[in-house]
N, C-alpha and C. Protein backbone atom coordinates (compact mmCIF):
# COMPACT_ATOMS: atom_id res chain seq x y z
N UNK A 1 -12.69 -12.10 -37.66
CA UNK A 1 -12.80 -10.35 -37.62
C UNK A 1 -14.38 -10.17 -38.00
N UNK A 2 -15.40 -9.89 -36.81
CA UNK A 2 -16.50 -8.66 -38.25
C UNK A 2 -16.50 -7.27 -38.53
N UNK A 3 -16.79 -7.26 -39.19
CA UNK A 3 -16.57 -5.92 -40.08
C UNK A 3 -17.80 -5.79 -40.39
N UNK A 4 -18.85 -6.01 -40.21
CA UNK A 4 -20.59 -5.72 -40.38
C UNK A 4 -20.72 -5.17 -38.32
N UNK A 5 -21.74 -3.99 -38.97
CA UNK A 5 -21.69 -3.53 -37.38
C UNK A 5 -23.01 -3.59 -37.69
N UNK A 6 -24.20 -3.41 -38.64
CA UNK A 6 -25.57 -2.83 -38.79
C UNK A 6 -25.89 -3.72 -40.22
N UNK A 7 -27.10 -3.94 -40.32
CA UNK A 7 -27.47 -4.42 -41.67
C UNK A 7 -28.41 -3.03 -42.11
N UNK A 8 -28.12 -1.88 -42.79
CA UNK A 8 -29.46 -0.94 -42.73
C UNK A 8 -30.63 -1.22 -43.80
N UNK A 9 -30.18 -1.36 -44.84
CA UNK A 9 -31.00 -1.50 -45.99
C UNK A 9 -30.68 -2.18 -47.13
N UNK A 10 -31.53 -2.15 -48.29
CA UNK A 10 -31.63 -3.25 -49.28
C UNK A 10 -32.09 -1.51 -50.59
N UNK A 11 -30.81 -1.67 -51.73
CA UNK A 11 -31.48 -0.62 -52.26
C UNK A 11 -32.47 -1.13 -53.52
N UNK A 12 -33.39 -0.70 -54.04
CA UNK A 12 -33.68 -1.13 -55.09
C UNK A 12 -34.01 -0.28 -56.56
N UNK A 13 -33.41 0.05 -57.56
CA UNK A 13 -33.67 0.67 -58.61
C UNK A 13 -35.00 0.67 -59.61
N UNK A 14 -36.00 1.10 -59.47
CA UNK A 14 -37.39 0.92 -60.15
C UNK A 14 -37.66 2.64 -60.88
N UNK A 15 -38.29 1.92 -61.94
CA UNK A 15 -38.89 3.22 -63.18
C UNK A 15 -40.24 3.96 -62.75
N UNK A 16 -40.94 3.44 -61.60
CA UNK A 16 -42.09 3.95 -61.36
C UNK A 16 -42.15 4.49 -60.04
N UNK A 17 -41.22 5.18 -59.16
CA UNK A 17 -41.06 5.53 -57.20
C UNK A 17 -42.30 4.69 -57.11
N UNK A 18 -43.57 5.61 -57.18
CA UNK A 18 -44.62 5.21 -56.88
C UNK A 18 -45.22 4.44 -56.78
N UNK A 19 -45.28 3.90 -57.87
CA UNK A 19 -46.27 2.18 -57.52
C UNK A 19 -45.54 1.45 -56.99
N UNK A 20 -43.95 1.39 -56.54
CA UNK A 20 -43.26 0.90 -56.24
C UNK A 20 -43.55 0.99 -54.84
N UNK A 21 -43.40 2.52 -54.30
CA UNK A 21 -43.27 2.85 -53.15
C UNK A 21 -45.04 2.63 -52.43
N UNK A 22 -46.17 2.95 -53.09
CA UNK A 22 -47.05 1.93 -52.90
C UNK A 22 -47.64 0.65 -52.61
N UNK A 23 -46.91 -0.05 -53.07
CA UNK A 23 -46.97 -1.48 -53.42
C UNK A 23 -46.03 -2.22 -51.85
N UNK A 24 -45.39 -1.11 -51.41
CA UNK A 24 -44.70 -1.73 -50.06
C UNK A 24 -45.51 -0.97 -49.29
N UNK A 25 -45.81 0.26 -49.08
CA UNK A 25 -46.69 0.50 -48.07
C UNK A 25 -47.56 -0.21 -48.08
N UNK A 26 -48.04 -0.77 -48.72
CA UNK A 26 -49.63 -1.40 -48.55
C UNK A 26 -48.82 -2.71 -47.97
N UNK A 27 -47.68 -3.22 -48.11
CA UNK A 27 -47.05 -4.26 -47.13
C UNK A 27 -47.66 -3.97 -45.95
N UNK A 28 -47.32 -2.64 -45.63
CA UNK A 28 -46.89 -2.04 -43.97
C UNK A 28 -45.57 -1.30 -43.49
N UNK A 29 -44.79 -1.41 -44.67
CA UNK A 29 -43.61 -0.57 -44.56
C UNK A 29 -44.02 0.85 -44.37
N UNK A 30 -43.13 1.59 -43.46
CA UNK A 30 -43.12 3.08 -43.28
C UNK A 30 -42.68 3.89 -43.96
N UNK A 31 -42.75 5.12 -44.54
CA UNK A 31 -41.76 5.84 -45.35
C UNK A 31 -41.63 6.24 -44.19
N UNK A 32 -40.16 6.28 -44.09
CA UNK A 32 -39.19 6.68 -42.93
C UNK A 32 -38.78 8.70 -43.58
N UNK A 33 -38.26 8.74 -44.99
CA UNK A 33 -38.28 10.01 -45.98
C UNK A 33 -37.68 9.94 -46.87
N UNK A 34 -37.58 11.00 -48.07
CA UNK A 34 -37.59 10.96 -49.70
C UNK A 34 -36.04 11.98 -49.88
N UNK A 35 -35.91 12.08 -51.18
CA UNK A 35 -34.92 12.70 -51.12
C UNK A 35 -34.57 12.99 -52.54
N UNK A 36 -33.87 14.07 -52.86
CA UNK A 36 -33.50 14.20 -54.25
C UNK A 36 -31.59 13.60 -54.62
N UNK A 37 -31.16 12.94 -54.55
CA UNK A 37 -30.11 12.70 -54.71
C UNK A 37 -29.18 13.26 -55.98
N UNK A 38 -27.86 14.42 -55.75
CA UNK A 38 -27.55 14.46 -56.61
C UNK A 38 -25.68 15.45 -56.15
N UNK A 39 -25.14 15.66 -57.26
CA UNK A 39 -23.71 16.06 -56.57
C UNK A 39 -22.99 15.18 -56.55
N UNK A 40 -21.62 15.86 -56.53
CA UNK A 40 -19.95 14.73 -56.18
C UNK A 40 -19.72 13.64 -55.66
N UNK A 41 -20.63 13.86 -54.48
CA UNK A 41 -20.31 12.90 -53.06
C UNK A 41 -20.99 11.38 -53.94
N UNK A 42 -22.68 11.93 -54.42
CA UNK A 42 -22.87 10.37 -54.72
C UNK A 42 -22.67 10.28 -56.03
N UNK A 43 -21.58 11.17 -57.37
CA UNK A 43 -21.25 10.47 -58.24
C UNK A 43 -20.05 9.39 -58.13
N UNK A 44 -19.63 9.95 -57.17
CA UNK A 44 -18.16 9.12 -56.38
C UNK A 44 -18.66 8.01 -55.95
N UNK A 45 -19.54 7.66 -55.44
CA UNK A 45 -20.15 6.87 -54.75
C UNK A 45 -20.48 5.57 -55.33
N UNK A 46 -21.59 6.07 -56.22
CA UNK A 46 -22.01 5.30 -57.89
C UNK A 46 -20.98 4.99 -58.86
N UNK A 47 -20.55 5.88 -59.45
CA UNK A 47 -19.70 5.86 -60.38
C UNK A 47 -20.75 6.40 -61.40
N UNK A 48 -21.28 7.10 -61.05
CA UNK A 48 -21.80 7.60 -62.95
C UNK A 48 -22.26 9.23 -62.67
N UNK A 49 -21.41 9.79 -62.97
CA UNK A 49 -21.02 11.34 -63.26
C UNK A 49 -22.15 12.03 -63.29
N UNK A 50 -22.81 13.01 -62.63
CA UNK A 50 -23.99 13.98 -63.20
C UNK A 50 -25.17 13.13 -63.23
N UNK A 51 -24.98 12.46 -62.27
CA UNK A 51 -26.04 11.27 -61.83
C UNK A 51 -27.25 12.61 -61.01
N UNK A 52 -28.59 12.18 -61.06
CA UNK A 52 -29.88 12.83 -60.21
C UNK A 52 -30.77 12.07 -60.25
N UNK A 53 -31.26 11.37 -58.96
CA UNK A 53 -31.93 10.42 -58.58
C UNK A 53 -32.88 10.52 -57.19
N UNK A 54 -34.49 10.35 -57.03
CA UNK A 54 -35.26 10.47 -56.38
C UNK A 54 -35.08 8.86 -55.98
N UNK A 55 -34.94 9.21 -54.15
CA UNK A 55 -35.33 8.09 -53.51
C UNK A 55 -36.52 7.91 -52.15
N UNK A 56 -37.03 7.11 -51.80
CA UNK A 56 -37.88 6.71 -51.02
C UNK A 56 -37.63 5.88 -49.75
N UNK A 57 -37.02 5.92 -48.54
CA UNK A 57 -36.99 5.02 -47.84
C UNK A 57 -37.62 4.11 -46.48
N UNK A 58 -37.89 2.86 -46.81
CA UNK A 58 -38.76 2.57 -45.77
C UNK A 58 -38.80 1.68 -45.01
N UNK A 59 -38.82 1.75 -43.89
CA UNK A 59 -38.71 0.88 -42.67
C UNK A 59 -40.32 0.09 -42.37
N UNK A 60 -40.27 -0.67 -41.21
CA UNK A 60 -40.91 -1.40 -40.58
C UNK A 60 -41.08 -1.03 -39.70
N UNK A 61 -42.60 -0.63 -38.82
CA UNK A 61 -43.13 0.24 -37.94
C UNK A 61 -42.01 -0.61 -36.74
N UNK A 62 -41.85 0.84 -36.04
CA UNK A 62 -40.70 0.23 -35.26
C UNK A 62 -39.13 -0.05 -35.35
N UNK A 63 -38.50 0.28 -36.47
CA UNK A 63 -37.76 0.48 -37.23
C UNK A 63 -37.04 -1.34 -38.05
N UNK A 64 -35.49 -0.91 -37.82
CA UNK A 64 -35.74 -2.39 -38.35
C UNK A 64 -34.63 -1.91 -39.98
N UNK A 65 -34.28 -2.91 -40.44
CA UNK A 65 -33.34 -3.11 -41.88
C UNK A 65 -34.45 -2.13 -42.84
N UNK A 66 -34.32 -1.27 -43.73
CA UNK A 66 -34.98 -0.64 -44.39
C UNK A 66 -35.01 -0.82 -45.41
N UNK A 67 -35.93 -0.48 -46.65
CA UNK A 67 -36.23 -0.79 -48.18
C UNK A 67 -35.75 0.84 -48.55
N UNK A 68 -34.63 0.80 -49.83
CA UNK A 68 -34.09 2.45 -50.53
C UNK A 68 -34.61 2.17 -51.38
N UNK A 69 -36.05 2.73 -52.46
CA UNK A 69 -36.31 2.26 -53.74
C UNK A 69 -35.84 3.88 -54.18
N UNK A 70 -35.48 3.69 -55.34
CA UNK A 70 -34.72 5.15 -55.80
C UNK A 70 -35.25 4.66 -57.99
N UNK A 71 -35.61 6.13 -58.34
CA UNK A 71 -35.55 6.33 -59.62
C UNK A 71 -34.24 7.28 -60.48
N UNK A 72 -34.19 6.89 -60.97
CA UNK A 72 -32.76 7.54 -62.00
C UNK A 72 -33.31 8.88 -62.31
N UNK A 73 -33.30 10.24 -62.63
CA UNK A 73 -34.20 11.27 -63.49
C UNK A 73 -32.86 11.36 -64.39
N UNK A 74 -31.33 11.40 -64.18
CA UNK A 74 -30.35 11.60 -65.11
C UNK A 74 -29.28 9.89 -64.83
N UNK A 75 -28.53 10.15 -65.33
CA UNK A 75 -29.55 8.97 -66.82
C UNK A 75 -30.20 8.75 -66.17
N UNK A 76 -30.90 8.18 -67.63
CA UNK A 76 -31.94 7.03 -67.23
C UNK A 76 -32.48 5.74 -67.19
N UNK A 77 -33.17 5.14 -66.62
CA UNK A 77 -32.61 4.15 -65.76
C UNK A 77 -32.08 3.00 -67.34
N UNK A 78 -31.30 1.44 -67.06
CA UNK A 78 -31.56 0.70 -67.89
C UNK A 78 -32.48 -0.11 -67.53
N UNK A 79 -33.23 -1.05 -68.34
CA UNK A 79 -34.60 -1.79 -68.57
C UNK A 79 -33.72 -3.40 -67.69
N UNK A 80 -33.93 -3.86 -66.56
CA UNK A 80 -33.70 -5.15 -65.70
C UNK A 80 -35.13 -6.24 -67.20
N UNK A 81 -34.65 -7.59 -66.71
CA UNK A 81 -35.97 -8.32 -66.87
C UNK A 81 -37.42 -7.77 -66.30
N UNK A 82 -38.15 -8.03 -67.46
CA UNK A 82 -39.34 -7.93 -66.67
C UNK A 82 -39.96 -8.80 -65.71
N UNK A 83 -39.58 -10.00 -66.13
CA UNK A 83 -39.75 -10.91 -65.06
C UNK A 83 -39.41 -11.68 -64.86
N UNK A 84 -38.50 -11.41 -63.87
CA UNK A 84 -37.24 -12.44 -63.42
C UNK A 84 -37.33 -13.39 -62.53
N UNK A 85 -36.90 -14.61 -62.77
CA UNK A 85 -37.59 -15.87 -61.80
C UNK A 85 -36.45 -15.78 -60.78
N UNK A 86 -36.71 -16.93 -59.91
CA UNK A 86 -35.62 -16.64 -58.75
C UNK A 86 -33.89 -17.60 -59.21
N UNK A 87 -34.28 -18.41 -60.23
CA UNK A 87 -33.11 -19.11 -60.70
C UNK A 87 -32.20 -17.53 -61.85
N UNK A 88 -32.39 -16.44 -61.50
CA UNK A 88 -31.61 -15.69 -62.85
C UNK A 88 -30.74 -14.64 -61.33
N UNK A 89 -29.92 -14.58 -62.05
CA UNK A 89 -28.81 -13.80 -61.47
C UNK A 89 -28.78 -12.55 -60.96
N UNK A 90 -29.00 -12.03 -59.68
CA UNK A 90 -29.18 -10.75 -59.12
C UNK A 90 -29.37 -10.73 -57.50
N UNK A 91 -30.16 -10.06 -57.06
CA UNK A 91 -31.21 -10.50 -55.80
C UNK A 91 -32.08 -10.71 -56.32
N UNK A 92 -32.55 -12.80 -55.43
CA UNK A 92 -33.44 -12.92 -55.60
C UNK A 92 -34.83 -12.62 -55.26
N UNK A 93 -34.85 -12.41 -53.82
CA UNK A 93 -36.21 -11.83 -54.00
C UNK A 93 -36.07 -10.93 -52.47
N UNK A 94 -37.25 -10.33 -51.84
CA UNK A 94 -36.84 -9.48 -50.89
C UNK A 94 -38.06 -10.07 -49.71
N UNK A 95 -38.42 -10.29 -48.78
CA UNK A 95 -38.54 -11.23 -47.58
C UNK A 95 -39.22 -10.53 -46.41
N UNK A 96 -40.31 -10.69 -45.86
CA UNK A 96 -41.32 -9.96 -44.82
C UNK A 96 -42.14 -11.01 -44.10
N UNK A 97 -41.94 -11.18 -43.11
CA UNK A 97 -42.72 -11.29 -41.98
C UNK A 97 -44.05 -10.89 -42.25
N UNK A 98 -45.16 -11.53 -42.23
CA UNK A 98 -46.33 -10.54 -41.94
C UNK A 98 -47.58 -11.29 -41.12
N UNK A 99 -48.54 -10.94 -40.86
CA UNK A 99 -49.11 -11.05 -39.45
C UNK A 99 -50.40 -12.60 -40.16
N UNK A 100 -50.60 -11.86 -41.65
CA UNK A 100 -52.09 -12.43 -41.95
C UNK A 100 -52.07 -12.86 -43.53
N UNK A 101 -50.88 -13.88 -44.00
CA UNK A 101 -50.83 -13.98 -45.00
C UNK A 101 -51.75 -14.13 -46.48
N UNK A 102 -53.04 -14.55 -45.61
CA UNK A 102 -54.08 -14.38 -46.51
C UNK A 102 -54.73 -13.64 -47.20
N UNK A 103 -54.83 -12.59 -45.91
CA UNK A 103 -55.34 -11.09 -45.86
C UNK A 103 -54.41 -10.29 -46.96
N UNK A 104 -53.40 -10.43 -46.79
CA UNK A 104 -52.32 -10.03 -47.71
C UNK A 104 -52.12 -10.48 -48.82
N UNK A 105 -52.83 -11.57 -49.59
CA UNK A 105 -52.47 -11.86 -50.57
C UNK A 105 -54.07 -11.35 -51.39
N UNK A 106 -54.81 -11.57 -50.65
CA UNK A 106 -56.63 -10.79 -50.89
C UNK A 106 -55.97 -9.07 -51.40
N UNK A 107 -55.37 -8.58 -50.10
CA UNK A 107 -54.95 -6.86 -50.51
C UNK A 107 -53.93 -6.57 -52.05
N UNK A 108 -53.17 -7.89 -51.93
CA UNK A 108 -52.06 -7.63 -53.24
C UNK A 108 -52.97 -8.05 -54.33
N UNK A 109 -53.85 -9.35 -54.47
CA UNK A 109 -54.45 -8.97 -55.68
C UNK A 109 -55.52 -8.57 -55.88
N UNK A 110 -56.36 -7.49 -55.71
CA UNK A 110 -57.56 -6.70 -55.87
C UNK A 110 -56.45 -5.56 -56.73
N UNK A 111 -54.79 -5.04 -56.06
CA UNK A 111 -54.20 -4.36 -56.78
C UNK A 111 -53.42 -4.93 -57.71
N UNK A 112 -53.90 -5.96 -58.28
CA UNK A 112 -53.16 -6.64 -59.45
C UNK A 112 -52.28 -7.32 -58.96
N UNK A 113 -51.74 -7.39 -58.16
CA UNK A 113 -50.58 -8.30 -58.21
C UNK A 113 -50.78 -9.59 -57.57
N UNK A 114 -50.18 -10.73 -58.27
CA UNK A 114 -50.25 -12.24 -58.38
C UNK A 114 -48.98 -13.09 -57.87
N UNK A 115 -49.44 -13.66 -57.19
CA UNK A 115 -48.33 -15.59 -57.35
C UNK A 115 -47.66 -16.13 -58.16
N UNK A 116 -46.38 -16.13 -57.96
CA UNK A 116 -45.71 -16.66 -59.02
C UNK A 116 -45.86 -18.24 -58.53
N UNK A 117 -45.56 -19.17 -57.32
CA UNK A 117 -46.42 -20.28 -57.67
C UNK A 117 -47.71 -20.13 -56.86
N UNK A 118 -47.28 -21.06 -55.68
CA UNK A 118 -48.40 -21.34 -55.21
C UNK A 118 -47.95 -20.86 -53.49
N UNK A 119 -49.16 -20.81 -52.46
CA UNK A 119 -48.42 -21.31 -51.00
C UNK A 119 -48.20 -22.30 -50.44
N UNK A 120 -46.62 -22.66 -50.11
CA UNK A 120 -46.54 -23.57 -49.43
C UNK A 120 -46.44 -23.08 -48.04
N UNK A 121 -46.58 -24.65 -47.56
CA UNK A 121 -46.07 -24.79 -45.83
C UNK A 121 -45.33 -25.77 -44.95
N UNK A 122 -44.09 -25.32 -44.18
CA UNK A 122 -43.64 -26.17 -43.56
C UNK A 122 -43.13 -25.64 -42.35
N UNK A 123 -42.87 -27.16 -41.76
CA UNK A 123 -42.42 -26.73 -40.39
C UNK A 123 -43.34 -25.25 -39.17
N UNK A 124 -44.44 -25.17 -39.65
CA UNK A 124 -44.75 -24.54 -39.12
C UNK A 124 -44.87 -23.12 -39.51
N UNK A 125 -44.61 -22.68 -41.21
CA UNK A 125 -44.70 -21.51 -42.10
C UNK A 125 -45.52 -21.78 -43.19
N UNK A 126 -46.39 -20.72 -43.42
CA UNK A 126 -46.62 -20.96 -44.86
C UNK A 126 -45.89 -19.31 -45.73
N UNK A 127 -45.62 -19.85 -47.28
CA UNK A 127 -44.62 -18.89 -47.54
C UNK A 127 -45.05 -18.77 -49.36
N UNK A 128 -44.60 -17.42 -49.84
CA UNK A 128 -44.96 -17.46 -50.86
C UNK A 128 -44.23 -16.48 -51.42
N UNK A 129 -44.03 -16.65 -52.75
CA UNK A 129 -43.57 -15.83 -53.69
C UNK A 129 -44.39 -14.65 -54.37
N UNK A 130 -44.35 -13.51 -54.47
CA UNK A 130 -45.41 -12.58 -54.67
C UNK A 130 -44.52 -11.36 -56.17
N UNK A 131 -45.03 -11.76 -57.09
CA UNK A 131 -44.34 -10.60 -58.38
C UNK A 131 -45.36 -9.01 -57.77
N UNK A 132 -44.19 -8.50 -57.58
CA UNK A 132 -44.62 -6.92 -57.09
C UNK A 132 -43.92 -5.87 -58.32
N UNK A 133 -44.25 -4.58 -57.90
CA UNK A 133 -44.07 -3.92 -59.32
C UNK A 133 -42.55 -4.09 -59.99
N UNK A 134 -42.27 -3.39 -60.84
CA UNK A 134 -40.97 -4.04 -61.72
C UNK A 134 -40.54 -4.83 -61.96
N UNK A 135 -41.34 -6.08 -61.95
CA UNK A 135 -40.58 -7.81 -61.42
C UNK A 135 -39.97 -7.78 -60.05
N UNK A 136 -40.39 -6.96 -59.45
CA UNK A 136 -39.49 -7.50 -57.90
C UNK A 136 -40.56 -8.19 -57.12
N UNK A 137 -39.29 -9.52 -56.91
CA UNK A 137 -40.02 -11.00 -56.29
C UNK A 137 -40.26 -10.53 -55.00
N UNK A 138 -41.24 -10.36 -53.93
CA UNK A 138 -41.27 -10.53 -53.18
C UNK A 138 -41.98 -11.77 -52.22
N UNK A 139 -41.53 -12.17 -51.14
CA UNK A 139 -41.13 -13.39 -50.60
C UNK A 139 -42.07 -12.91 -49.65
N UNK A 140 -43.74 -13.55 -48.46
CA UNK A 140 -44.31 -13.54 -47.56
C UNK A 140 -44.66 -14.38 -47.09
N UNK A 141 -44.34 -14.46 -45.80
CA UNK A 141 -44.54 -15.53 -44.69
C UNK A 141 -45.45 -15.20 -43.23
N UNK A 142 -46.36 -16.23 -43.04
CA UNK A 142 -46.78 -16.08 -41.48
C UNK A 142 -46.41 -16.96 -40.91
N UNK A 143 -46.72 -17.37 -39.67
CA UNK A 143 -46.55 -18.99 -38.81
C UNK A 143 -47.79 -19.33 -39.31
N UNK A 144 -48.11 -20.39 -38.93
CA UNK A 144 -49.01 -21.29 -39.67
C UNK A 144 -49.86 -21.59 -38.32
N UNK A 145 -50.40 -21.17 -37.30
CA UNK A 145 -51.72 -21.45 -36.48
C UNK A 145 -50.49 -20.89 -35.45
């Protein structure tokens, strides 16, 4: 029996909410909304009493699965690995199909973001991993031709 009705979003906790938001907006996601979250409901759900966080919800143009970026005001965030590789436990990457991979990579490089490896080609696709803000691995792909 299927229980899942909808894949709504993936959440990522970051230290610099503005920088992470700017990175994903550069990729073409749109800010759906922002909020400050606190109170008993949030404490019950996340299991952190007295928490207070700010979130930004981003979605692709036209809707679809979202990306929730959050930063904790209280308690302070706990540091993760500054440059995780794809074989570390946890979320491996966030993947987006783009229109023009070369243009996206040029724009991200101008902002200081680089490739983890190189661009690979397979069965009509070009794909690469980019190290985004806070060490987030972002997979980007386009159809080759």
